[in-house]
Every structure is written in structure tokens, then in C-alpha cells.
Amino acid sequence: MTEVTGIDHIYIAVSDFTRSESFYDLVLRDTLGFRKNSFTLGGDPHIHYYNRHFGYVLRPSRSANTHDSYAPGLHHLCLRVDSIADVAAVANQFRALGIEATDAKLYAEYAPDYWATFFTDPDGIRLEVTNYRQERRNRHDNW
């Protein structure tokens, strides 16, 4: 059996390329340390944010529909940072940059050490940043 070792890239279609680039510059590049490049594919501009683990790509949408988290498809995307302190720092930095993010908070109903902040991109895609919880560390280390 072949093992999947990670997510290589995630593509999202955005309704306003400039607005989304500004938002994701603040979130991914300026706060979470992703690098950025751009390219054209099939005549469409693309922006690629990437770190050592995966890429997150913006491309223009082909319809004016807004994202619906409860329709079939993506509900939300959760990014992981190392610690609870990192979740709090990210939430504070987002708010300082004008991004409406929730306070970092314990969600014990999810797991005893589950801390997160939640926010939404300009097209309504729900995003989350959580800590690297013990259960996830154990799963990784003792697979």
C-alpha cells in the first residue's frame, strides 16, 4: 500500500484576485511565514503561497457564486502551528492587521488541549489555526 505523506497543494478560486491577494499576503506571507510567487496557467494569473510542507494557490473564479461552508465541498481549512502560544500570537497578529479573528480559545469539546482561532477569507472560506495537539503528536510519532 502506498502511503500519502502530506498535502502537496490546495487550490482555491477567488472572486476578486487583488482583494484575495492582499488578504492572503497578510495571513500566509506576513503572519505565517509562507513564501510567494506568481505564474500564469491556461491564460489565468495564479498566486502560489508555499512553505516547506505544502502550497496554497489562488486562481480567478469563473462564477460569481460565494462560498457556502454547508454546501457539498470544503467546509473549512485548518492550519496547524506548534503551540498554544503560537495560536494566541497568530490571533493577535491577525487582529492587529485588521483581520477579524476570534480570540485564541480552548475548545475542550474537540480535544482536551485543542486551542484555535477562526477567521474567514474575503470569499467566505472558513479558516482556522490550531495547535499541534498531543493526540496528533502521538499519532505521528507512534504510527
N, C-alpha and C. Protein backbone atom coordinates (compact mmCIF):
# COMPACT_ATOMS: atom_id res chain seq x y z
N MET A 1 0.85 -1.17 0.00
CA MET A 1 0.00 0.00 0.00
C MET A 1 0.89 1.24 0.00
N THR A 2 0.55 2.21 -0.82
CA THR A 2 1.29 3.47 -0.89
C THR A 2 0.76 4.43 0.17
N GLU A 3 1.66 5.03 0.93
CA GLU A 3 1.28 5.97 1.98
C GLU A 3 1.31 7.39 1.45
N VAL A 4 0.27 8.15 1.73
CA VAL A 4 0.27 9.58 1.45
C VAL A 4 1.09 10.25 2.54
N THR A 5 2.04 11.08 2.17
CA THR A 5 2.94 11.69 3.14
C THR A 5 2.61 13.15 3.46
N GLY A 6 1.60 13.68 2.80
CA GLY A 6 1.22 15.05 3.09
C GLY A 6 0.32 15.61 2.02
N ILE A 7 -0.13 16.82 2.21
CA ILE A 7 -0.89 17.55 1.19
C ILE A 7 0.14 18.34 0.39
N ASP A 8 0.11 18.19 -0.92
CA ASP A 8 1.06 18.89 -1.76
C ASP A 8 0.63 20.33 -2.01
N HIS A 9 -0.62 20.52 -2.42
CA HIS A 9 -1.11 21.88 -2.66
C HIS A 9 -2.63 21.91 -2.57
N ILE A 10 -3.12 23.10 -2.30
CA ILE A 10 -4.55 23.38 -2.24
C ILE A 10 -4.79 24.56 -3.18
N TYR A 11 -5.75 24.41 -4.08
CA TYR A 11 -6.14 25.49 -4.99
C TYR A 11 -7.47 26.06 -4.52
N ILE A 12 -7.57 27.38 -4.49
CA ILE A 12 -8.87 27.99 -4.25
C ILE A 12 -9.13 29.01 -5.36
N ALA A 13 -10.38 29.09 -5.77
CA ALA A 13 -10.81 30.07 -6.76
C ALA A 13 -11.36 31.28 -6.01
N VAL A 14 -10.93 32.46 -6.41
CA VAL A 14 -11.30 33.69 -5.71
C VAL A 14 -12.04 34.63 -6.65
N SER A 15 -13.00 35.37 -6.10
CA SER A 15 -13.83 36.26 -6.91
C SER A 15 -13.14 37.56 -7.25
N ASP A 16 -12.28 38.04 -6.38
CA ASP A 16 -11.55 39.30 -6.59
C ASP A 16 -10.09 39.02 -6.31
N PHE A 17 -9.32 38.84 -7.36
CA PHE A 17 -7.93 38.41 -7.25
C PHE A 17 -7.09 39.37 -6.40
N THR A 18 -7.24 40.66 -6.63
CA THR A 18 -6.45 41.66 -5.90
C THR A 18 -6.81 41.67 -4.42
N ARG A 19 -8.10 41.63 -4.12
CA ARG A 19 -8.55 41.63 -2.72
C ARG A 19 -8.04 40.38 -1.99
N SER A 20 -8.15 39.23 -2.64
CA SER A 20 -7.70 37.99 -2.01
C SER A 20 -6.19 37.96 -1.85
N GLU A 21 -5.47 38.47 -2.82
CA GLU A 21 -4.01 38.53 -2.69
C GLU A 21 -3.62 39.38 -1.48
N SER A 22 -4.26 40.52 -1.30
CA SER A 22 -3.96 41.37 -0.15
C SER A 22 -4.24 40.64 1.16
N PHE A 23 -5.37 39.94 1.23
CA PHE A 23 -5.74 39.20 2.44
C PHE A 23 -4.72 38.09 2.71
N TYR A 24 -4.43 37.26 1.72
CA TYR A 24 -3.53 36.13 1.93
C TYR A 24 -2.07 36.56 2.09
N ASP A 25 -1.71 37.74 1.56
CA ASP A 25 -0.38 38.28 1.88
C ASP A 25 -0.25 38.48 3.39
N LEU A 26 -1.29 39.06 4.00
CA LEU A 26 -1.26 39.29 5.45
C LEU A 26 -1.28 37.97 6.23
N VAL A 27 -2.15 37.04 5.82
CA VAL A 27 -2.33 35.80 6.57
C VAL A 27 -1.15 34.85 6.36
N LEU A 28 -0.92 34.48 5.11
CA LEU A 28 0.06 33.42 4.85
C LEU A 28 1.50 33.94 4.81
N ARG A 29 1.74 35.01 4.10
CA ARG A 29 3.11 35.50 3.97
C ARG A 29 3.57 36.25 5.22
N ASP A 30 2.83 37.26 5.62
CA ASP A 30 3.30 38.15 6.69
C ASP A 30 3.16 37.56 8.08
N THR A 31 2.14 36.75 8.32
CA THR A 31 1.92 36.19 9.66
C THR A 31 2.46 34.78 9.81
N LEU A 32 2.21 33.93 8.80
CA LEU A 32 2.57 32.51 8.94
C LEU A 32 3.85 32.12 8.19
N GLY A 33 4.54 33.08 7.58
CA GLY A 33 5.87 32.84 7.04
C GLY A 33 5.94 32.09 5.71
N PHE A 34 4.83 32.02 4.97
CA PHE A 34 4.87 31.39 3.65
C PHE A 34 5.67 32.28 2.69
N ARG A 35 6.21 31.68 1.68
CA ARG A 35 6.82 32.42 0.58
C ARG A 35 5.78 32.55 -0.52
N LYS A 36 6.09 33.37 -1.53
CA LYS A 36 5.08 33.68 -2.54
C LYS A 36 5.73 33.80 -3.91
N ASN A 37 5.04 33.27 -4.92
CA ASN A 37 5.40 33.56 -6.30
C ASN A 37 4.12 33.62 -7.11
N SER A 38 4.24 34.00 -8.36
CA SER A 38 3.07 34.06 -9.22
C SER A 38 3.41 33.46 -10.57
N PHE A 39 2.39 33.00 -11.27
CA PHE A 39 2.56 32.41 -12.59
C PHE A 39 1.23 32.48 -13.33
N THR A 40 1.29 32.20 -14.61
CA THR A 40 0.09 32.15 -15.43
C THR A 40 -0.08 30.72 -15.91
N LEU A 41 -1.31 30.23 -15.84
CA LEU A 41 -1.61 28.88 -16.28
C LEU A 41 -2.93 28.92 -17.05
N GLY A 42 -2.92 28.44 -18.28
CA GLY A 42 -4.12 28.49 -19.10
C GLY A 42 -4.63 29.89 -19.33
N GLY A 43 -3.74 30.87 -19.32
CA GLY A 43 -4.11 32.26 -19.51
C GLY A 43 -4.59 32.96 -18.26
N ASP A 44 -4.69 32.24 -17.14
CA ASP A 44 -5.16 32.83 -15.89
C ASP A 44 -4.00 33.09 -14.94
N PRO A 45 -4.02 34.25 -14.27
CA PRO A 45 -2.99 34.50 -13.26
C PRO A 45 -3.20 33.60 -12.05
N HIS A 46 -2.13 33.19 -11.43
CA HIS A 46 -2.17 32.38 -10.20
C HIS A 46 -1.16 32.97 -9.22
N ILE A 47 -1.47 32.88 -7.94
CA ILE A 47 -0.52 33.25 -6.90
C ILE A 47 -0.31 32.03 -6.03
N HIS A 48 0.93 31.69 -5.81
CA HIS A 48 1.31 30.48 -5.08
C HIS A 48 2.00 30.89 -3.79
N TYR A 49 1.37 30.56 -2.67
CA TYR A 49 1.98 30.71 -1.35
C TYR A 49 2.47 29.32 -0.96
N TYR A 50 3.64 29.22 -0.40
CA TYR A 50 4.17 27.90 -0.06
C TYR A 50 5.11 27.98 1.13
N ASN A 51 5.16 26.86 1.86
CA ASN A 51 6.15 26.67 2.91
C ASN A 51 6.81 25.32 2.67
N ARG A 52 7.53 24.80 3.64
CA ARG A 52 8.23 23.52 3.45
C ARG A 52 7.27 22.36 3.26
N HIS A 53 6.01 22.51 3.65
CA HIS A 53 5.08 21.40 3.71
C HIS A 53 4.07 21.33 2.57
N PHE A 54 3.58 22.48 2.10
CA PHE A 54 2.57 22.46 1.04
C PHE A 54 2.41 23.85 0.42
N GLY A 55 1.67 23.88 -0.68
CA GLY A 55 1.36 25.13 -1.35
C GLY A 55 -0.12 25.46 -1.28
N TYR A 56 -0.42 26.74 -1.32
CA TYR A 56 -1.79 27.25 -1.30
C TYR A 56 -1.89 28.22 -2.46
N VAL A 57 -2.72 27.91 -3.44
CA VAL A 57 -2.72 28.65 -4.70
C VAL A 57 -4.05 29.36 -4.90
N LEU A 58 -3.97 30.64 -5.28
CA LEU A 58 -5.15 31.42 -5.65
C LEU A 58 -5.25 31.45 -7.17
N ARG A 59 -6.45 31.28 -7.67
CA ARG A 59 -6.72 31.43 -9.10
C ARG A 59 -8.06 32.14 -9.23
N PRO A 60 -8.30 32.82 -10.35
CA PRO A 60 -9.58 33.51 -10.50
C PRO A 60 -10.74 32.52 -10.64
N SER A 61 -11.87 32.87 -10.04
CA SER A 61 -13.06 32.04 -10.18
C SER A 61 -13.68 32.29 -11.55
N ARG A 62 -14.53 31.37 -11.94
CA ARG A 62 -15.23 31.52 -13.23
C ARG A 62 -16.72 31.74 -13.02
N SER A 63 -17.12 31.98 -11.78
CA SER A 63 -18.51 32.32 -11.50
C SER A 63 -18.53 33.31 -10.35
N ALA A 64 -19.66 33.92 -10.14
CA ALA A 64 -19.79 34.93 -9.08
C ALA A 64 -20.37 34.35 -7.80
N ASN A 65 -20.54 33.04 -7.72
CA ASN A 65 -21.10 32.43 -6.52
C ASN A 65 -20.18 32.64 -5.33
N THR A 66 -20.77 32.80 -4.15
CA THR A 66 -19.97 32.90 -2.94
C THR A 66 -19.83 31.51 -2.32
N HIS A 67 -18.85 31.36 -1.47
CA HIS A 67 -18.60 30.08 -0.83
C HIS A 67 -19.67 29.79 0.22
N ASP A 68 -20.13 28.56 0.26
CA ASP A 68 -21.11 28.11 1.24
C ASP A 68 -20.51 26.94 1.99
N SER A 69 -20.13 27.16 3.24
CA SER A 69 -19.47 26.12 4.05
C SER A 69 -20.34 24.90 4.29
N TYR A 70 -21.63 25.03 4.09
CA TYR A 70 -22.52 23.91 4.37
C TYR A 70 -23.09 23.26 3.10
N ALA A 71 -22.61 23.71 1.93
CA ALA A 71 -22.93 23.01 0.67
C ALA A 71 -21.90 21.90 0.50
N PRO A 72 -22.17 20.93 -0.37
CA PRO A 72 -21.14 19.92 -0.62
C PRO A 72 -19.83 20.59 -1.04
N GLY A 73 -18.75 20.09 -0.52
CA GLY A 73 -17.44 20.68 -0.79
C GLY A 73 -16.74 21.06 0.49
N LEU A 74 -15.82 21.96 0.39
CA LEU A 74 -15.00 22.37 1.52
C LEU A 74 -15.83 23.04 2.61
N HIS A 75 -15.71 22.55 3.83
CA HIS A 75 -16.34 23.21 4.98
C HIS A 75 -15.38 24.25 5.54
N HIS A 76 -14.15 23.85 5.87
CA HIS A 76 -13.15 24.79 6.34
C HIS A 76 -11.76 24.19 6.16
N LEU A 77 -10.76 25.04 6.26
CA LEU A 77 -9.37 24.61 6.19
C LEU A 77 -8.70 25.00 7.50
N CYS A 78 -8.03 24.05 8.12
CA CYS A 78 -7.36 24.29 9.39
C CYS A 78 -5.86 24.18 9.20
N LEU A 79 -5.15 25.21 9.60
CA LEU A 79 -3.68 25.22 9.57
C LEU A 79 -3.17 24.96 10.98
N ARG A 80 -2.06 24.27 11.09
CA ARG A 80 -1.53 23.92 12.41
C ARG A 80 -0.23 24.66 12.67
N VAL A 81 -0.12 25.20 13.87
CA VAL A 81 1.13 25.78 14.37
C VAL A 81 1.58 24.92 15.55
N ASP A 82 2.75 25.18 16.07
CA ASP A 82 3.34 24.27 17.06
C ASP A 82 2.68 24.32 18.43
N SER A 83 2.33 25.49 18.91
CA SER A 83 1.96 25.59 20.33
C SER A 83 0.72 26.46 20.54
N ILE A 84 0.19 26.39 21.75
CA ILE A 84 -0.92 27.25 22.16
C ILE A 84 -0.49 28.71 22.09
N ALA A 85 0.72 29.01 22.52
CA ALA A 85 1.24 30.37 22.45
C ALA A 85 1.28 30.87 21.02
N ASP A 86 1.61 29.98 20.08
CA ASP A 86 1.62 30.36 18.67
C ASP A 86 0.21 30.69 18.18
N VAL A 87 -0.79 29.92 18.60
CA VAL A 87 -2.18 30.20 18.22
C VAL A 87 -2.57 31.59 18.72
N ALA A 88 -2.25 31.89 19.96
CA ALA A 88 -2.58 33.20 20.53
C ALA A 88 -1.85 34.32 19.80
N ALA A 89 -0.58 34.11 19.49
CA ALA A 89 0.19 35.14 18.78
C ALA A 89 -0.40 35.40 17.39
N VAL A 90 -0.76 34.33 16.69
CA VAL A 90 -1.36 34.46 15.36
C VAL A 90 -2.67 35.23 15.44
N ALA A 91 -3.54 34.86 16.37
CA ALA A 91 -4.83 35.54 16.51
C ALA A 91 -4.62 37.03 16.79
N ASN A 92 -3.69 37.34 17.67
CA ASN A 92 -3.41 38.75 18.00
C ASN A 92 -2.85 39.49 16.80
N GLN A 93 -1.95 38.85 16.05
CA GLN A 93 -1.36 39.50 14.88
C GLN A 93 -2.42 39.71 13.80
N PHE A 94 -3.29 38.73 13.58
CA PHE A 94 -4.36 38.91 12.60
C PHE A 94 -5.20 40.13 12.95
N ARG A 95 -5.63 40.21 14.21
CA ARG A 95 -6.47 41.33 14.62
C ARG A 95 -5.73 42.66 14.49
N ALA A 96 -4.44 42.67 14.80
CA ALA A 96 -3.65 43.90 14.65
C ALA A 96 -3.57 44.33 13.18
N LEU A 97 -3.67 43.37 12.27
CA LEU A 97 -3.63 43.66 10.84
C LEU A 97 -5.02 43.95 10.27
N GLY A 98 -6.04 43.94 11.12
CA GLY A 98 -7.39 44.24 10.68
C GLY A 98 -8.19 43.04 10.22
N ILE A 99 -7.69 41.84 10.46
CA ILE A 99 -8.41 40.62 10.10
C ILE A 99 -9.27 40.21 11.29
N GLU A 100 -10.54 39.99 11.05
CA GLU A 100 -11.46 39.60 12.12
C GLU A 100 -11.23 38.14 12.48
N ALA A 101 -10.45 37.92 13.51
CA ALA A 101 -10.16 36.57 14.00
C ALA A 101 -10.65 36.47 15.44
N THR A 102 -11.12 35.28 15.80
CA THR A 102 -11.56 35.07 17.18
C THR A 102 -10.35 35.05 18.10
N ASP A 103 -10.60 35.30 19.37
CA ASP A 103 -9.54 35.12 20.36
C ASP A 103 -9.12 33.65 20.35
N ALA A 104 -7.85 33.40 20.62
CA ALA A 104 -7.40 32.02 20.80
C ALA A 104 -8.11 31.49 22.04
N LYS A 105 -8.68 30.30 21.90
CA LYS A 105 -9.52 29.78 22.97
C LYS A 105 -9.41 28.26 23.00
N LEU A 106 -9.58 27.70 24.19
CA LEU A 106 -9.63 26.24 24.36
C LEU A 106 -10.99 25.73 23.93
N TYR A 107 -10.98 24.70 23.07
CA TYR A 107 -12.20 24.02 22.64
C TYR A 107 -12.13 22.58 23.15
N ALA A 108 -12.40 22.42 24.45
CA ALA A 108 -12.28 21.11 25.09
C ALA A 108 -13.26 20.09 24.52
N GLU A 109 -14.34 20.56 23.89
CA GLU A 109 -15.28 19.63 23.28
C GLU A 109 -14.67 18.92 22.07
N TYR A 110 -13.61 19.48 21.50
CA TYR A 110 -12.90 18.85 20.38
C TYR A 110 -11.79 17.93 20.89
N ALA A 111 -11.03 18.42 21.85
CA ALA A 111 -9.94 17.66 22.48
C ALA A 111 -9.52 18.44 23.72
N PRO A 112 -8.93 17.75 24.71
CA PRO A 112 -8.59 18.44 25.96
C PRO A 112 -7.57 19.56 25.80
N ASP A 113 -6.80 19.54 24.72
CA ASP A 113 -5.76 20.56 24.51
C ASP A 113 -5.92 21.26 23.16
N TYR A 114 -7.16 21.39 22.69
CA TYR A 114 -7.46 21.96 21.37
C TYR A 114 -7.68 23.46 21.50
N TRP A 115 -6.69 24.23 21.07
CA TRP A 115 -6.79 25.69 21.05
C TRP A 115 -6.88 26.13 19.60
N ALA A 116 -7.68 27.16 19.33
CA ALA A 116 -7.85 27.60 17.95
C ALA A 116 -8.27 29.05 17.88
N THR A 117 -8.03 29.63 16.71
CA THR A 117 -8.61 30.90 16.31
C THR A 117 -9.27 30.66 14.96
N PHE A 118 -10.39 31.33 14.72
CA PHE A 118 -11.15 31.16 13.49
C PHE A 118 -11.28 32.51 12.78
N PHE A 119 -11.28 32.47 11.46
CA PHE A 119 -11.44 33.67 10.65
C PHE A 119 -11.94 33.25 9.27
N THR A 120 -12.29 34.21 8.43
CA THR A 120 -12.87 33.93 7.13
C THR A 120 -12.17 34.76 6.07
N ASP A 121 -11.95 34.14 4.90
CA ASP A 121 -11.31 34.88 3.81
C ASP A 121 -12.36 35.75 3.10
N PRO A 122 -11.93 36.61 2.16
CA PRO A 122 -12.88 37.54 1.52
C PRO A 122 -14.02 36.86 0.77
N ASP A 123 -13.88 35.60 0.37
CA ASP A 123 -14.94 34.89 -0.34
C ASP A 123 -15.76 34.00 0.59
N GLY A 124 -15.52 34.08 1.90
CA GLY A 124 -16.30 33.32 2.85
C GLY A 124 -15.75 31.95 3.19
N ILE A 125 -14.54 31.64 2.74
CA ILE A 125 -13.93 30.36 3.11
C ILE A 125 -13.52 30.44 4.57
N ARG A 126 -14.00 29.50 5.35
CA ARG A 126 -13.69 29.47 6.78
C ARG A 126 -12.30 28.90 6.98
N LEU A 127 -11.52 29.58 7.79
CA LEU A 127 -10.15 29.18 8.08
C LEU A 127 -9.96 29.10 9.58
N GLU A 128 -9.01 28.28 9.98
CA GLU A 128 -8.73 28.05 11.40
C GLU A 128 -7.23 27.85 11.55
N VAL A 129 -6.71 28.26 12.69
CA VAL A 129 -5.34 27.93 13.09
C VAL A 129 -5.44 27.25 14.44
N THR A 130 -4.84 26.06 14.56
CA THR A 130 -4.86 25.30 15.80
C THR A 130 -3.45 24.89 16.19
N ASN A 131 -3.32 24.42 17.41
CA ASN A 131 -2.02 23.97 17.92
C ASN A 131 -1.79 22.50 17.58
N TYR A 132 -0.54 22.10 17.63
CA TYR A 132 -0.15 20.70 17.39
C TYR A 132 -0.45 19.95 18.68
N ARG A 133 -1.61 19.33 18.72
CA ARG A 133 -2.10 18.70 19.94
C ARG A 133 -1.36 17.39 20.23
N GLN A 134 -1.44 16.96 21.48
CA GLN A 134 -0.73 15.76 21.90
C GLN A 134 -1.19 14.52 21.14
N GLU A 135 -2.49 14.40 20.91
CA GLU A 135 -3.00 13.24 20.17
C GLU A 135 -2.39 13.19 18.78
N ARG A 136 -2.25 14.33 18.12
CA ARG A 136 -1.65 14.38 16.79
C ARG A 136 -0.15 14.04 16.86
N ARG A 137 0.51 14.54 17.88
CA ARG A 137 1.94 14.21 18.04
C ARG A 137 2.13 12.71 18.26
N ASN A 138 1.27 12.13 19.12
CA ASN A 138 1.35 10.69 19.38
C ASN A 138 1.09 9.89 18.11
N ARG A 139 0.09 10.30 17.36
CA ARG A 139 -0.22 9.61 16.12
C ARG A 139 0.96 9.65 15.16
N HIS A 140 1.57 10.80 15.06
CA HIS A 140 2.73 10.96 14.18
C HIS A 140 3.91 10.11 14.65
N ASP A 141 4.24 10.21 15.94
CA ASP A 141 5.43 9.57 16.47
C ASP A 141 5.30 8.06 16.65
N ASN A 142 4.08 7.57 16.82
CA ASN A 142 3.86 6.16 17.10
C ASN A 142 3.06 5.45 16.01
N TRP A 143 3.12 5.92 14.82
CA TRP A 143 2.32 5.37 13.73
C TRP A 143 2.65 3.92 13.53
